[in-house]
Amino acid sequence: MAENLTVEVVSPEKRIWSGEAKMVSARTLEGDIGVLPDHAPLLGVLVDGTVSIKASDGSDQSFTINGGFISVSNNRVSILGESPEA
């Protein structure tokens, strides 16, 4: 079992954050989701809300997202958000 996720939060203009994480939580059209290492592949549509990341170094990162997409595959999480703000 993998211990970490490789996470990248990007906007159409730039990379906002990238790094290793223990957990990612976000709100999709289907509801709130939590992503841990070895999560099943997923492609979801994000709604306005907060994406929270529990980084491997113990820090917490939060980003306000105004819609976008989340992709999970092979312990990689990609979040493309419209106007993400820390």
N, C-alpha and C. Protein backbone atom coordinates (compact mmCIF):
# COMPACT_ATOMS: atom_id res chain seq x y z
N MET A 1 0.84 -1.19 0.00
CA MET A 1 0.00 0.00 0.00
C MET A 1 0.88 1.25 0.00
N ALA A 2 0.53 2.19 -0.85
CA ALA A 2 1.27 3.45 -0.92
C ALA A 2 1.00 4.28 0.33
N GLU A 3 1.96 5.11 0.69
CA GLU A 3 1.80 5.95 1.87
C GLU A 3 1.37 7.37 1.54
N ASN A 4 1.64 7.82 0.30
CA ASN A 4 1.37 9.20 -0.06
C ASN A 4 0.71 9.31 -1.43
N LEU A 5 0.11 10.47 -1.62
CA LEU A 5 -0.44 10.86 -2.91
C LEU A 5 0.44 11.96 -3.48
N THR A 6 0.58 11.99 -4.78
CA THR A 6 1.23 13.11 -5.45
C THR A 6 0.10 14.03 -5.91
N VAL A 7 0.09 15.25 -5.41
CA VAL A 7 -1.03 16.16 -5.65
C VAL A 7 -0.56 17.40 -6.38
N GLU A 8 -1.40 17.86 -7.30
CA GLU A 8 -1.14 19.10 -8.03
C GLU A 8 -2.44 19.89 -8.13
N VAL A 9 -2.40 21.14 -7.72
CA VAL A 9 -3.54 22.05 -7.83
C VAL A 9 -3.15 23.12 -8.84
N VAL A 10 -3.90 23.21 -9.92
CA VAL A 10 -3.58 24.16 -10.98
C VAL A 10 -4.80 24.96 -11.39
N SER A 11 -4.54 26.15 -11.92
CA SER A 11 -5.57 26.97 -12.54
C SER A 11 -5.24 27.00 -14.03
N PRO A 12 -6.10 27.56 -14.85
CA PRO A 12 -5.75 27.66 -16.27
C PRO A 12 -4.48 28.48 -16.51
N GLU A 13 -4.11 29.33 -15.56
CA GLU A 13 -2.96 30.21 -15.74
C GLU A 13 -1.65 29.68 -15.17
N LYS A 14 -1.73 28.93 -14.03
CA LYS A 14 -0.48 28.54 -13.35
C LYS A 14 -0.71 27.40 -12.38
N ARG A 15 0.41 26.82 -11.90
CA ARG A 15 0.37 25.82 -10.84
C ARG A 15 0.25 26.56 -9.51
N ILE A 16 -0.69 26.16 -8.69
CA ILE A 16 -0.93 26.80 -7.41
C ILE A 16 -0.17 26.08 -6.29
N TRP A 17 -0.22 24.76 -6.30
CA TRP A 17 0.46 23.97 -5.27
C TRP A 17 0.72 22.58 -5.81
N SER A 18 1.84 22.00 -5.42
CA SER A 18 2.10 20.60 -5.74
C SER A 18 2.95 20.02 -4.63
N GLY A 19 2.78 18.73 -4.39
CA GLY A 19 3.55 18.07 -3.36
C GLY A 19 2.96 16.73 -2.99
N GLU A 20 3.50 16.15 -1.94
CA GLU A 20 3.05 14.86 -1.43
C GLU A 20 2.01 15.10 -0.33
N ALA A 21 0.99 14.24 -0.30
CA ALA A 21 -0.08 14.40 0.68
C ALA A 21 -0.55 13.06 1.20
N LYS A 22 -1.11 13.10 2.39
CA LYS A 22 -1.72 11.92 3.01
C LYS A 22 -3.19 11.80 2.64
N MET A 23 -3.86 12.97 2.42
CA MET A 23 -5.29 12.96 2.13
C MET A 23 -5.69 14.24 1.39
N VAL A 24 -6.69 14.11 0.53
CA VAL A 24 -7.28 15.26 -0.16
C VAL A 24 -8.79 15.16 -0.01
N SER A 25 -9.44 16.26 0.31
CA SER A 25 -10.91 16.26 0.36
C SER A 25 -11.42 17.41 -0.49
N ALA A 26 -12.56 17.15 -1.16
CA ALA A 26 -13.13 18.13 -2.07
C ALA A 26 -14.63 17.89 -2.19
N ARG A 27 -15.33 18.86 -2.75
CA ARG A 27 -16.78 18.75 -2.96
C ARG A 27 -17.04 18.64 -4.46
N THR A 28 -17.71 17.55 -4.85
CA THR A 28 -18.06 17.34 -6.26
C THR A 28 -19.57 17.45 -6.43
N LEU A 29 -20.02 17.33 -7.67
CA LEU A 29 -21.46 17.35 -7.94
C LEU A 29 -22.18 16.22 -7.20
N GLU A 30 -21.47 15.10 -6.97
CA GLU A 30 -22.06 13.96 -6.30
C GLU A 30 -21.98 14.05 -4.79
N GLY A 31 -21.22 15.00 -4.26
CA GLY A 31 -21.07 15.15 -2.82
C GLY A 31 -19.61 15.27 -2.42
N ASP A 32 -19.36 15.31 -1.11
CA ASP A 32 -18.00 15.43 -0.60
C ASP A 32 -17.26 14.10 -0.78
N ILE A 33 -15.97 14.20 -1.14
CA ILE A 33 -15.15 13.00 -1.28
C ILE A 33 -13.86 13.19 -0.50
N GLY A 34 -13.30 12.09 -0.07
CA GLY A 34 -11.99 12.07 0.55
C GLY A 34 -11.13 11.08 -0.22
N VAL A 35 -9.94 11.48 -0.54
CA VAL A 35 -9.03 10.63 -1.31
C VAL A 35 -7.82 10.27 -0.45
N LEU A 36 -7.61 8.99 -0.28
CA LEU A 36 -6.46 8.46 0.45
C LEU A 36 -5.60 7.67 -0.52
N PRO A 37 -4.37 7.33 -0.14
CA PRO A 37 -3.53 6.51 -1.03
C PRO A 37 -4.26 5.22 -1.45
N ASP A 38 -4.01 4.81 -2.68
CA ASP A 38 -4.62 3.62 -3.30
C ASP A 38 -6.12 3.77 -3.57
N HIS A 39 -6.60 5.00 -3.68
CA HIS A 39 -8.00 5.26 -4.03
C HIS A 39 -8.27 4.76 -5.44
N ALA A 40 -9.48 4.32 -5.68
CA ALA A 40 -9.88 3.89 -7.03
C ALA A 40 -9.82 5.08 -7.99
N PRO A 41 -9.57 4.82 -9.27
CA PRO A 41 -9.57 5.91 -10.26
C PRO A 41 -10.89 6.67 -10.24
N LEU A 42 -10.80 7.99 -10.44
CA LEU A 42 -11.97 8.85 -10.32
C LEU A 42 -11.79 10.08 -11.19
N LEU A 43 -12.86 10.50 -11.82
CA LEU A 43 -12.89 11.79 -12.51
C LEU A 43 -14.17 12.46 -12.06
N GLY A 44 -14.06 13.65 -11.45
CA GLY A 44 -15.22 14.33 -10.92
C GLY A 44 -15.25 15.80 -11.26
N VAL A 45 -16.45 16.36 -11.22
CA VAL A 45 -16.66 17.79 -11.44
C VAL A 45 -16.76 18.46 -10.09
N LEU A 46 -15.89 19.44 -9.85
CA LEU A 46 -15.90 20.17 -8.58
C LEU A 46 -16.93 21.28 -8.61
N VAL A 47 -17.56 21.51 -7.48
CA VAL A 47 -18.47 22.63 -7.32
C VAL A 47 -17.75 23.68 -6.46
N ASP A 48 -18.32 24.86 -6.37
CA ASP A 48 -17.73 25.91 -5.55
C ASP A 48 -17.56 25.40 -4.12
N GLY A 49 -16.38 25.57 -3.58
CA GLY A 49 -16.12 25.11 -2.23
C GLY A 49 -14.65 25.09 -1.93
N THR A 50 -14.29 24.32 -0.93
CA THR A 50 -12.91 24.25 -0.46
C THR A 50 -12.31 22.89 -0.76
N VAL A 51 -11.09 22.90 -1.27
CA VAL A 51 -10.29 21.69 -1.40
C VAL A 51 -9.28 21.72 -0.27
N SER A 52 -9.25 20.66 0.53
CA SER A 52 -8.33 20.59 1.66
C SER A 52 -7.32 19.47 1.41
N ILE A 53 -6.06 19.78 1.73
CA ILE A 53 -4.98 18.83 1.53
C ILE A 53 -4.23 18.68 2.84
N LYS A 54 -4.08 17.43 3.28
CA LYS A 54 -3.25 17.11 4.45
C LYS A 54 -1.91 16.67 3.89
N ALA A 55 -0.94 17.60 3.88
CA ALA A 55 0.37 17.34 3.29
C ALA A 55 1.15 16.34 4.11
N SER A 56 2.07 15.65 3.47
CA SER A 56 2.89 14.63 4.13
C SER A 56 3.75 15.21 5.25
N ASP A 57 4.09 16.50 5.15
CA ASP A 57 4.91 17.12 6.20
C ASP A 57 4.08 17.55 7.41
N GLY A 58 2.78 17.25 7.39
CA GLY A 58 1.92 17.57 8.52
C GLY A 58 1.17 18.89 8.39
N SER A 59 1.50 19.68 7.39
CA SER A 59 0.81 20.95 7.20
C SER A 59 -0.53 20.73 6.51
N ASP A 60 -1.43 21.68 6.70
CA ASP A 60 -2.74 21.65 6.04
C ASP A 60 -2.80 22.77 5.02
N GLN A 61 -3.25 22.43 3.81
CA GLN A 61 -3.42 23.41 2.74
C GLN A 61 -4.90 23.45 2.39
N SER A 62 -5.45 24.64 2.20
CA SER A 62 -6.84 24.79 1.79
C SER A 62 -6.92 25.78 0.65
N PHE A 63 -7.75 25.46 -0.33
CA PHE A 63 -7.93 26.31 -1.50
C PHE A 63 -9.41 26.47 -1.78
N THR A 64 -9.83 27.71 -2.00
CA THR A 64 -11.20 27.97 -2.41
C THR A 64 -11.27 27.81 -3.92
N ILE A 65 -12.16 26.93 -4.37
CA ILE A 65 -12.28 26.60 -5.79
C ILE A 65 -13.65 27.05 -6.28
N ASN A 66 -13.67 27.70 -7.41
CA ASN A 66 -14.93 28.11 -8.04
C ASN A 66 -15.21 27.21 -9.24
N GLY A 67 -15.43 25.92 -8.95
CA GLY A 67 -15.68 24.94 -10.00
C GLY A 67 -14.39 24.41 -10.57
N GLY A 68 -14.48 23.28 -11.25
CA GLY A 68 -13.30 22.68 -11.87
C GLY A 68 -13.44 21.18 -11.93
N PHE A 69 -12.29 20.48 -11.96
CA PHE A 69 -12.27 19.04 -12.11
C PHE A 69 -11.25 18.43 -11.17
N ILE A 70 -11.51 17.18 -10.77
CA ILE A 70 -10.55 16.40 -10.00
C ILE A 70 -10.34 15.07 -10.70
N SER A 71 -9.10 14.66 -10.79
CA SER A 71 -8.75 13.38 -11.40
C SER A 71 -7.87 12.62 -10.43
N VAL A 72 -8.20 11.34 -10.21
CA VAL A 72 -7.43 10.48 -9.31
C VAL A 72 -7.06 9.22 -10.08
N SER A 73 -5.78 8.89 -10.12
CA SER A 73 -5.32 7.68 -10.77
C SER A 73 -3.90 7.36 -10.33
N ASN A 74 -3.66 6.11 -9.95
CA ASN A 74 -2.32 5.66 -9.57
C ASN A 74 -1.65 6.55 -8.53
N ASN A 75 -2.40 6.91 -7.48
CA ASN A 75 -1.89 7.74 -6.37
C ASN A 75 -1.47 9.14 -6.81
N ARG A 76 -2.03 9.60 -7.91
CA ARG A 76 -1.83 10.97 -8.37
C ARG A 76 -3.19 11.67 -8.37
N VAL A 77 -3.23 12.85 -7.78
CA VAL A 77 -4.46 13.65 -7.73
C VAL A 77 -4.18 14.96 -8.45
N SER A 78 -4.96 15.24 -9.47
CA SER A 78 -4.85 16.50 -10.20
C SER A 78 -6.14 17.27 -10.01
N ILE A 79 -6.00 18.52 -9.60
CA ILE A 79 -7.16 19.38 -9.40
C ILE A 79 -6.98 20.60 -10.30
N LEU A 80 -7.91 20.74 -11.23
CA LEU A 80 -7.93 21.92 -12.10
C LEU A 80 -9.09 22.77 -11.62
N GLY A 81 -8.78 23.90 -11.02
CA GLY A 81 -9.82 24.74 -10.45
C GLY A 81 -9.88 26.09 -11.13
N GLU A 82 -11.06 26.61 -11.22
CA GLU A 82 -11.27 27.96 -11.74
C GLU A 82 -11.03 28.92 -10.59
N SER A 83 -10.06 29.79 -10.71
CA SER A 83 -9.72 30.81 -9.70
C SER A 83 -9.41 30.23 -8.33
N PRO A 84 -8.52 29.22 -8.21
CA PRO A 84 -8.20 28.73 -6.87
C PRO A 84 -7.45 29.78 -6.06
N GLU A 85 -7.85 29.91 -4.81
CA GLU A 85 -7.21 30.88 -3.91
C GLU A 85 -6.85 30.17 -2.61
N ALA A 86 -5.67 30.45 -2.12
CA ALA A 86 -5.23 29.85 -0.85
C ALA A 86 -5.89 30.56 0.31
